[in-house]
């Protein structure tokens, strides 16, 4: 990854509803997953049951990690989950996929790996240069010059 960090977007279909409705199971997954994919948990997970519109009820949970966050939303009646794992550091995506498919036993998975923050400056010198460019652009725009990047 070349930007700020990887963001794994994971959707799973055909999951057993009992797994998707298991509050303690989801808590346990979020509690142990960061360490298993070489991330640093900075607080216990927060998991709650939500009563959405009919068919949209389920569980939502997240855990903050030093590198960013992991969030999971389940929809037992639809046998569906979606998961986001966002990190400012690279992580083993294959390990994360194995953990998630093992926990939820989906029939089908759809996932994407995004490279977030492509223009995120890696050092302060680059940051300073980007800030100066943005200031010039904003100043020119406020004077009606219509300058774009």
N, C-alpha and C. Protein backbone atom coordinates (compact mmCIF):
# COMPACT_ATOMS: atom_id res chain seq x y z
N UNK A 1 0.84 -1.18 0.00
CA UNK A 1 0.00 0.00 0.00
C UNK A 1 0.89 1.25 0.00
N UNK A 2 0.43 2.26 -0.70
CA UNK A 2 1.23 3.47 -0.80
C UNK A 2 0.61 4.66 -0.09
N UNK A 3 -0.66 4.59 0.28
CA UNK A 3 -1.35 5.70 0.92
C UNK A 3 -1.24 5.63 2.43
N UNK A 4 -2.26 6.15 3.09
CA UNK A 4 -2.28 6.16 4.55
C UNK A 4 -2.37 4.75 5.11
N UNK A 5 -3.20 3.92 4.47
CA UNK A 5 -3.31 2.55 4.96
C UNK A 5 -4.38 1.76 4.26
N UNK A 6 -4.36 0.43 4.47
CA UNK A 6 -5.34 -0.45 3.84
C UNK A 6 -6.68 -0.46 4.57
N UNK A 7 -7.74 -0.63 3.80
CA UNK A 7 -9.09 -0.72 4.34
C UNK A 7 -9.74 -1.94 3.69
N UNK A 8 -9.91 -2.99 4.48
CA UNK A 8 -10.57 -4.20 4.00
C UNK A 8 -12.07 -4.04 4.18
N UNK A 9 -12.81 -4.19 3.10
CA UNK A 9 -14.27 -4.13 3.10
C UNK A 9 -14.75 -5.54 2.77
N UNK A 10 -15.47 -6.17 3.70
CA UNK A 10 -15.82 -7.58 3.61
C UNK A 10 -17.32 -7.74 3.76
N UNK A 11 -17.96 -8.33 2.78
CA UNK A 11 -19.39 -8.67 2.85
C UNK A 11 -19.52 -10.17 2.74
N UNK A 12 -20.36 -10.77 3.58
CA UNK A 12 -20.53 -12.22 3.57
C UNK A 12 -22.01 -12.56 3.53
N UNK A 13 -22.35 -13.53 2.68
CA UNK A 13 -23.73 -13.93 2.43
C UNK A 13 -23.93 -15.40 2.81
N UNK A 14 -25.15 -15.73 3.22
CA UNK A 14 -25.47 -17.12 3.54
C UNK A 14 -24.86 -17.60 4.84
N UNK A 15 -24.67 -16.70 5.79
CA UNK A 15 -24.10 -17.06 7.09
C UNK A 15 -25.19 -17.68 7.97
N UNK A 16 -24.83 -18.63 8.84
CA UNK A 16 -25.82 -19.19 9.77
C UNK A 16 -26.37 -18.09 10.70
N UNK A 17 -27.67 -17.89 10.73
CA UNK A 17 -28.26 -16.82 11.54
C UNK A 17 -27.89 -16.89 13.02
N UNK A 18 -27.74 -18.11 13.57
CA UNK A 18 -27.40 -18.20 14.99
C UNK A 18 -26.04 -17.58 15.27
N UNK A 19 -25.09 -17.70 14.36
CA UNK A 19 -23.78 -17.06 14.56
C UNK A 19 -23.90 -15.54 14.48
N UNK A 20 -24.76 -15.08 13.59
CA UNK A 20 -24.90 -13.63 13.40
C UNK A 20 -25.64 -12.97 14.55
N UNK A 21 -26.39 -13.74 15.32
CA UNK A 21 -27.13 -13.20 16.45
C UNK A 21 -26.46 -13.44 17.79
N UNK A 22 -25.25 -14.00 17.79
CA UNK A 22 -24.55 -14.37 19.01
C UNK A 22 -23.71 -13.19 19.52
N UNK A 23 -24.28 -12.44 20.47
CA UNK A 23 -23.62 -11.26 20.99
C UNK A 23 -22.28 -11.60 21.63
N UNK A 24 -22.23 -12.63 22.45
CA UNK A 24 -20.97 -13.01 23.10
C UNK A 24 -19.94 -13.49 22.06
N UNK A 25 -20.42 -14.21 21.05
CA UNK A 25 -19.52 -14.67 20.00
C UNK A 25 -18.89 -13.51 19.24
N UNK A 26 -19.70 -12.50 18.93
CA UNK A 26 -19.17 -11.33 18.23
C UNK A 26 -18.19 -10.56 19.11
N UNK A 27 -18.54 -10.46 20.40
CA UNK A 27 -17.62 -9.80 21.34
C UNK A 27 -16.28 -10.54 21.36
N UNK A 28 -16.34 -11.86 21.47
CA UNK A 28 -15.11 -12.65 21.50
C UNK A 28 -14.27 -12.49 20.24
N UNK A 29 -14.93 -12.46 19.09
CA UNK A 29 -14.21 -12.26 17.84
C UNK A 29 -13.50 -10.91 17.83
N UNK A 30 -14.23 -9.85 18.17
CA UNK A 30 -13.64 -8.52 18.16
C UNK A 30 -12.57 -8.36 19.24
N UNK A 31 -12.70 -9.10 20.32
CA UNK A 31 -11.71 -9.03 21.39
C UNK A 31 -10.39 -9.66 20.98
N UNK A 32 -10.43 -10.76 20.24
CA UNK A 32 -9.21 -11.47 19.88
C UNK A 32 -8.66 -11.19 18.50
N UNK A 33 -9.50 -10.70 17.60
CA UNK A 33 -9.07 -10.50 16.21
C UNK A 33 -7.89 -9.55 16.06
N UNK A 34 -7.86 -8.41 16.74
CA UNK A 34 -6.72 -7.51 16.53
C UNK A 34 -5.37 -8.20 16.74
N UNK A 35 -5.23 -8.92 17.82
CA UNK A 35 -3.95 -9.59 18.09
C UNK A 35 -3.65 -10.64 17.02
N UNK A 36 -4.67 -11.36 16.59
CA UNK A 36 -4.45 -12.42 15.60
C UNK A 36 -4.07 -11.89 14.23
N UNK A 37 -4.36 -10.61 13.96
CA UNK A 37 -3.93 -10.04 12.68
C UNK A 37 -2.88 -8.94 12.90
N UNK A 38 -2.13 -9.07 13.99
CA UNK A 38 -0.99 -8.21 14.32
C UNK A 38 -1.36 -6.73 14.45
N UNK A 39 -2.47 -6.48 15.15
CA UNK A 39 -2.86 -5.11 15.45
C UNK A 39 -2.93 -4.95 16.96
N UNK A 40 -3.10 -3.71 17.41
CA UNK A 40 -3.03 -3.41 18.83
C UNK A 40 -4.37 -2.88 19.34
N UNK A 41 -5.08 -3.70 20.09
CA UNK A 41 -6.37 -3.28 20.67
C UNK A 41 -6.09 -2.24 21.76
N UNK A 42 -6.83 -1.13 21.74
CA UNK A 42 -6.61 -0.10 22.76
C UNK A 42 -7.80 0.06 23.70
N UNK A 43 -8.85 -0.71 23.46
CA UNK A 43 -10.01 -0.70 24.36
C UNK A 43 -10.78 -1.99 24.12
N UNK A 44 -11.60 -2.39 25.09
CA UNK A 44 -12.43 -3.57 24.86
C UNK A 44 -13.45 -3.29 23.74
N UNK A 45 -13.92 -4.33 23.08
CA UNK A 45 -14.93 -4.13 22.04
C UNK A 45 -16.23 -3.58 22.64
N UNK A 46 -16.99 -2.93 21.81
CA UNK A 46 -18.33 -2.48 22.16
C UNK A 46 -19.27 -3.17 21.18
N UNK A 47 -20.18 -3.99 21.70
CA UNK A 47 -21.11 -4.76 20.87
C UNK A 47 -22.51 -4.54 21.40
N UNK A 48 -23.46 -4.30 20.53
CA UNK A 48 -24.84 -4.10 20.97
C UNK A 48 -25.81 -4.69 19.96
N UNK A 49 -26.98 -4.98 20.45
CA UNK A 49 -28.06 -5.50 19.62
C UNK A 49 -28.89 -4.29 19.16
N UNK A 50 -29.17 -4.22 17.87
CA UNK A 50 -30.00 -3.12 17.38
C UNK A 50 -31.28 -3.68 16.77
N UNK A 51 -32.36 -2.97 17.02
CA UNK A 51 -33.68 -3.39 16.52
C UNK A 51 -34.07 -2.43 15.41
N UNK A 52 -33.59 -2.70 14.24
CA UNK A 52 -33.89 -1.85 13.09
C UNK A 52 -35.25 -2.18 12.52
N UNK A 53 -35.47 -1.76 11.31
CA UNK A 53 -36.71 -2.08 10.59
C UNK A 53 -36.81 -3.60 10.46
N UNK A 54 -38.01 -4.12 10.25
CA UNK A 54 -38.15 -5.58 10.13
C UNK A 54 -37.17 -6.16 9.11
N UNK A 55 -36.46 -7.19 9.55
CA UNK A 55 -35.45 -7.82 8.72
C UNK A 55 -34.08 -7.19 8.81
N UNK A 56 -34.00 -6.03 9.45
CA UNK A 56 -32.73 -5.32 9.56
C UNK A 56 -32.15 -5.38 10.98
N UNK A 57 -32.79 -6.17 11.85
CA UNK A 57 -32.29 -6.30 13.21
C UNK A 57 -30.96 -7.05 13.18
N UNK A 58 -30.17 -6.84 14.21
CA UNK A 58 -28.92 -7.58 14.28
C UNK A 58 -28.00 -7.04 15.34
N UNK A 59 -26.73 -7.30 15.15
CA UNK A 59 -25.69 -6.85 16.07
C UNK A 59 -24.77 -5.89 15.35
N UNK A 60 -24.24 -4.95 16.10
CA UNK A 60 -23.18 -4.09 15.61
C UNK A 60 -22.10 -4.07 16.67
N UNK A 61 -20.87 -4.07 16.23
CA UNK A 61 -19.77 -4.02 17.17
C UNK A 61 -18.55 -3.40 16.54
N UNK A 62 -17.72 -2.83 17.40
CA UNK A 62 -16.46 -2.29 16.91
C UNK A 62 -15.42 -2.38 18.01
N UNK A 63 -14.20 -2.33 17.58
CA UNK A 63 -13.08 -2.26 18.51
C UNK A 63 -12.10 -1.23 17.95
N UNK A 64 -11.67 -0.34 18.82
CA UNK A 64 -10.64 0.62 18.41
C UNK A 64 -9.29 -0.04 18.55
N UNK A 65 -8.48 0.15 17.55
CA UNK A 65 -7.12 -0.37 17.57
C UNK A 65 -6.18 0.82 17.39
N UNK A 66 -4.95 0.68 17.85
CA UNK A 66 -3.99 1.78 17.72
C UNK A 66 -3.86 2.19 16.25
N UNK A 67 -4.05 1.23 15.37
CA UNK A 67 -3.89 1.48 13.94
C UNK A 67 -5.15 2.07 13.30
N UNK A 68 -6.32 1.96 13.91
CA UNK A 68 -7.58 2.56 13.48
C UNK A 68 -8.77 1.83 14.10
N UNK A 69 -9.50 0.96 13.33
CA UNK A 69 -10.69 0.32 13.89
C UNK A 69 -11.09 -0.93 13.10
N UNK A 70 -11.91 -1.74 13.76
CA UNK A 70 -12.56 -2.88 13.12
C UNK A 70 -14.04 -2.76 13.49
N UNK A 71 -14.93 -2.83 12.50
CA UNK A 71 -16.36 -2.79 12.78
C UNK A 71 -17.07 -3.92 12.05
N UNK A 72 -18.12 -4.43 12.69
CA UNK A 72 -18.90 -5.53 12.14
C UNK A 72 -20.38 -5.24 12.37
N UNK A 73 -21.18 -5.47 11.33
CA UNK A 73 -22.64 -5.34 11.42
C UNK A 73 -23.25 -6.64 10.90
N UNK A 74 -24.14 -7.23 11.70
CA UNK A 74 -24.76 -8.50 11.30
C UNK A 74 -26.26 -8.31 11.07
N UNK A 75 -26.79 -9.12 10.17
CA UNK A 75 -28.21 -9.11 9.84
C UNK A 75 -28.68 -10.56 9.76
N UNK A 76 -28.97 -11.19 10.93
CA UNK A 76 -29.28 -12.62 10.96
C UNK A 76 -30.43 -13.04 10.04
N UNK A 77 -31.50 -12.27 9.98
CA UNK A 77 -32.63 -12.67 9.14
C UNK A 77 -32.28 -12.64 7.65
N UNK A 78 -31.27 -11.90 7.31
CA UNK A 78 -30.83 -11.83 5.91
C UNK A 78 -29.56 -12.65 5.67
N UNK A 79 -29.06 -13.27 6.76
CA UNK A 79 -27.86 -14.13 6.70
C UNK A 79 -26.66 -13.38 6.12
N UNK A 80 -26.53 -12.12 6.51
CA UNK A 80 -25.54 -11.21 5.92
C UNK A 80 -24.76 -10.48 6.99
N UNK A 81 -23.49 -10.25 6.72
CA UNK A 81 -22.67 -9.37 7.57
C UNK A 81 -21.85 -8.46 6.67
N UNK A 82 -21.47 -7.32 7.25
CA UNK A 82 -20.42 -6.53 6.62
C UNK A 82 -19.41 -6.13 7.67
N UNK A 83 -18.17 -6.11 7.24
CA UNK A 83 -17.04 -5.88 8.14
C UNK A 83 -16.12 -4.85 7.48
N UNK A 84 -15.58 -3.96 8.30
CA UNK A 84 -14.55 -3.03 7.87
C UNK A 84 -13.35 -3.19 8.78
N UNK A 85 -12.19 -3.35 8.19
CA UNK A 85 -10.93 -3.34 8.94
C UNK A 85 -10.08 -2.26 8.30
N UNK A 86 -9.86 -1.19 9.04
CA UNK A 86 -9.06 -0.08 8.53
C UNK A 86 -7.85 0.09 9.42
N UNK A 87 -6.70 0.26 8.80
CA UNK A 87 -5.45 0.35 9.55
C UNK A 87 -4.50 1.33 8.88
N UNK A 88 -3.73 2.04 9.68
CA UNK A 88 -2.69 2.89 9.10
C UNK A 88 -1.43 2.08 8.80
N UNK A 89 -1.42 0.82 9.18
CA UNK A 89 -0.30 -0.08 8.87
C UNK A 89 -0.79 -1.22 8.00
N UNK A 90 0.10 -1.76 7.19
CA UNK A 90 -0.26 -2.94 6.42
C UNK A 90 -0.56 -4.10 7.38
N UNK A 91 -1.44 -4.99 6.96
CA UNK A 91 -1.74 -6.19 7.74
C UNK A 91 -1.95 -7.33 6.77
N UNK A 92 -1.92 -8.54 7.28
CA UNK A 92 -2.06 -9.72 6.44
C UNK A 92 -3.54 -9.92 6.12
N UNK A 93 -3.93 -9.52 4.94
CA UNK A 93 -5.33 -9.59 4.52
C UNK A 93 -5.80 -11.04 4.49
N UNK A 94 -4.95 -11.95 4.06
CA UNK A 94 -5.33 -13.36 4.00
C UNK A 94 -5.66 -13.89 5.40
N UNK A 95 -4.87 -13.49 6.41
CA UNK A 95 -5.19 -13.89 7.79
C UNK A 95 -6.55 -13.34 8.21
N UNK A 96 -6.80 -12.08 7.89
CA UNK A 96 -8.08 -11.47 8.26
C UNK A 96 -9.24 -12.19 7.58
N UNK A 97 -9.09 -12.51 6.31
CA UNK A 97 -10.15 -13.22 5.58
C UNK A 97 -10.39 -14.60 6.17
N UNK A 98 -9.32 -15.29 6.54
CA UNK A 98 -9.47 -16.62 7.17
C UNK A 98 -10.22 -16.51 8.50
N UNK A 99 -9.86 -15.53 9.30
CA UNK A 99 -10.52 -15.33 10.60
C UNK A 99 -12.01 -15.06 10.41
N UNK A 100 -12.35 -14.19 9.49
CA UNK A 100 -13.75 -13.81 9.28
C UNK A 100 -14.56 -14.96 8.69
N UNK A 101 -14.02 -15.65 7.71
CA UNK A 101 -14.78 -16.76 7.13
C UNK A 101 -14.90 -17.90 8.13
N UNK A 102 -13.88 -18.10 8.96
CA UNK A 102 -13.96 -19.13 10.00
C UNK A 102 -15.01 -18.80 11.05
N UNK A 103 -15.13 -17.54 11.38
CA UNK A 103 -16.07 -17.13 12.43
C UNK A 103 -17.53 -17.17 11.95
N UNK A 104 -17.77 -16.91 10.67
CA UNK A 104 -19.15 -16.76 10.19
C UNK A 104 -19.61 -17.81 9.19
N UNK A 105 -18.72 -18.64 8.69
CA UNK A 105 -19.06 -19.72 7.74
C UNK A 105 -19.99 -19.27 6.61
N UNK A 106 -19.62 -18.23 5.88
CA UNK A 106 -20.49 -17.77 4.80
C UNK A 106 -20.48 -18.73 3.60
N UNK A 107 -21.55 -18.67 2.84
CA UNK A 107 -21.59 -19.42 1.58
C UNK A 107 -20.88 -18.66 0.47
N UNK A 108 -20.91 -17.33 0.58
CA UNK A 108 -20.27 -16.50 -0.45
C UNK A 108 -19.70 -15.25 0.21
N UNK A 109 -18.56 -14.82 -0.29
CA UNK A 109 -17.87 -13.65 0.24
C UNK A 109 -17.55 -12.69 -0.91
N UNK A 110 -17.67 -11.43 -0.62
CA UNK A 110 -17.25 -10.38 -1.55
C UNK A 110 -16.39 -9.43 -0.74
N UNK A 111 -15.17 -9.18 -1.19
CA UNK A 111 -14.31 -8.28 -0.44
C UNK A 111 -13.50 -7.41 -1.38
N UNK A 112 -13.08 -6.28 -0.84
CA UNK A 112 -12.24 -5.33 -1.57
C UNK A 112 -11.19 -4.81 -0.60
N UNK A 113 -10.04 -4.49 -1.14
CA UNK A 113 -9.00 -3.85 -0.35
C UNK A 113 -8.76 -2.48 -0.95
N UNK A 114 -9.05 -1.47 -0.18
CA UNK A 114 -8.88 -0.09 -0.63
C UNK A 114 -7.57 0.45 -0.08
N UNK A 115 -6.95 1.33 -0.81
CA UNK A 115 -5.76 2.03 -0.35
C UNK A 115 -6.21 3.44 0.01
N UNK A 116 -6.39 3.70 1.31
CA UNK A 116 -6.94 4.98 1.77
C UNK A 116 -5.86 6.05 1.86
N UNK A 117 -6.28 7.29 1.70
CA UNK A 117 -5.37 8.42 1.89
C UNK A 117 -4.20 8.44 0.93
N UNK A 118 -4.48 8.31 -0.35
CA UNK A 118 -3.40 8.22 -1.33
C UNK A 118 -2.48 9.44 -1.33
N UNK A 119 -3.00 10.59 -0.91
CA UNK A 119 -2.17 11.80 -0.87
C UNK A 119 -1.67 12.11 0.53
N UNK A 120 -1.85 11.17 1.46
CA UNK A 120 -1.40 11.40 2.83
C UNK A 120 0.11 11.56 2.85
N UNK A 121 0.61 12.68 3.39
CA UNK A 121 2.06 12.89 3.40
C UNK A 121 2.75 11.95 4.39
N UNK A 122 3.80 11.33 3.94
CA UNK A 122 4.54 10.39 4.78
C UNK A 122 5.54 11.09 5.70
N UNK A 123 5.87 12.35 5.41
CA UNK A 123 6.79 13.06 6.30
C UNK A 123 6.36 14.52 6.41
N UNK A 124 6.88 15.22 7.41
CA UNK A 124 6.45 16.59 7.68
C UNK A 124 6.80 17.55 6.56
N UNK A 125 7.91 17.32 5.87
CA UNK A 125 8.27 18.17 4.74
C UNK A 125 7.20 18.13 3.67
N UNK A 126 6.72 16.94 3.36
CA UNK A 126 5.64 16.81 2.39
C UNK A 126 4.37 17.48 2.90
N UNK A 127 4.11 17.36 4.19
CA UNK A 127 2.92 17.97 4.78
C UNK A 127 2.96 19.48 4.61
N UNK A 128 4.10 20.05 4.91
CA UNK A 128 4.25 21.50 4.81
C UNK A 128 4.00 21.96 3.37
N UNK A 129 4.55 21.23 2.41
CA UNK A 129 4.37 21.57 1.01
C UNK A 129 2.89 21.48 0.61
N UNK A 130 2.20 20.43 1.04
CA UNK A 130 0.77 20.29 0.72
C UNK A 130 -0.06 21.41 1.34
N UNK A 131 0.28 21.79 2.57
CA UNK A 131 -0.46 22.87 3.24
C UNK A 131 -0.26 24.18 2.49
N UNK A 132 0.97 24.46 2.08
CA UNK A 132 1.24 25.69 1.33
C UNK A 132 0.50 25.71 0.00
N UNK A 133 0.48 24.58 -0.70
CA UNK A 133 -0.26 24.50 -1.97
C UNK A 133 -1.75 24.75 -1.74
N UNK A 134 -2.29 24.14 -0.69
CA UNK A 134 -3.71 24.31 -0.40
C UNK A 134 -4.02 25.76 -0.02
N UNK A 135 -3.14 26.40 0.74
CA UNK A 135 -3.34 27.81 1.11
C UNK A 135 -3.36 28.69 -0.14
N UNK A 136 -2.43 28.45 -1.06
CA UNK A 136 -2.41 29.23 -2.30
C UNK A 136 -3.69 29.02 -3.10
N UNK A 137 -4.15 27.78 -3.16
CA UNK A 137 -5.37 27.46 -3.91
C UNK A 137 -6.58 28.16 -3.28
N UNK A 138 -6.70 28.10 -1.96
CA UNK A 138 -7.82 28.73 -1.27
C UNK A 138 -7.75 30.25 -1.42
N UNK A 139 -6.56 30.81 -1.30
CA UNK A 139 -6.39 32.25 -1.45
C UNK A 139 -6.78 32.70 -2.86
N UNK A 140 -6.33 31.95 -3.87
CA UNK A 140 -6.67 32.29 -5.25
C UNK A 140 -8.17 32.19 -5.48
N UNK A 141 -8.78 31.16 -4.93
CA UNK A 141 -10.23 30.99 -5.10
C UNK A 141 -10.98 32.13 -4.43
N UNK A 142 -10.53 32.55 -3.24
CA UNK A 142 -11.23 33.62 -2.52
C UNK A 142 -11.10 34.95 -3.26
N UNK A 143 -10.06 35.09 -4.10
CA UNK A 143 -9.90 36.30 -4.91
C UNK A 143 -10.62 36.18 -6.25
N UNK A 144 -11.31 35.06 -6.44
CA UNK A 144 -12.08 34.88 -7.66
C UNK A 144 -11.26 34.42 -8.85
N UNK A 145 -10.09 33.87 -8.60
CA UNK A 145 -9.24 33.45 -9.71
C UNK A 145 -9.60 32.06 -10.23
N UNK A 146 -10.39 31.31 -9.46
CA UNK A 146 -10.86 30.00 -9.93
C UNK A 146 -9.75 29.00 -10.19
N UNK A 147 -8.69 29.06 -9.43
CA UNK A 147 -7.57 28.15 -9.62
C UNK A 147 -7.93 26.78 -9.07
N UNK A 148 -7.60 25.77 -9.80
CA UNK A 148 -7.79 24.41 -9.29
C UNK A 148 -6.43 23.78 -9.11
N UNK A 149 -6.42 22.59 -8.55
CA UNK A 149 -5.15 21.89 -8.31
C UNK A 149 -4.49 21.71 -9.61
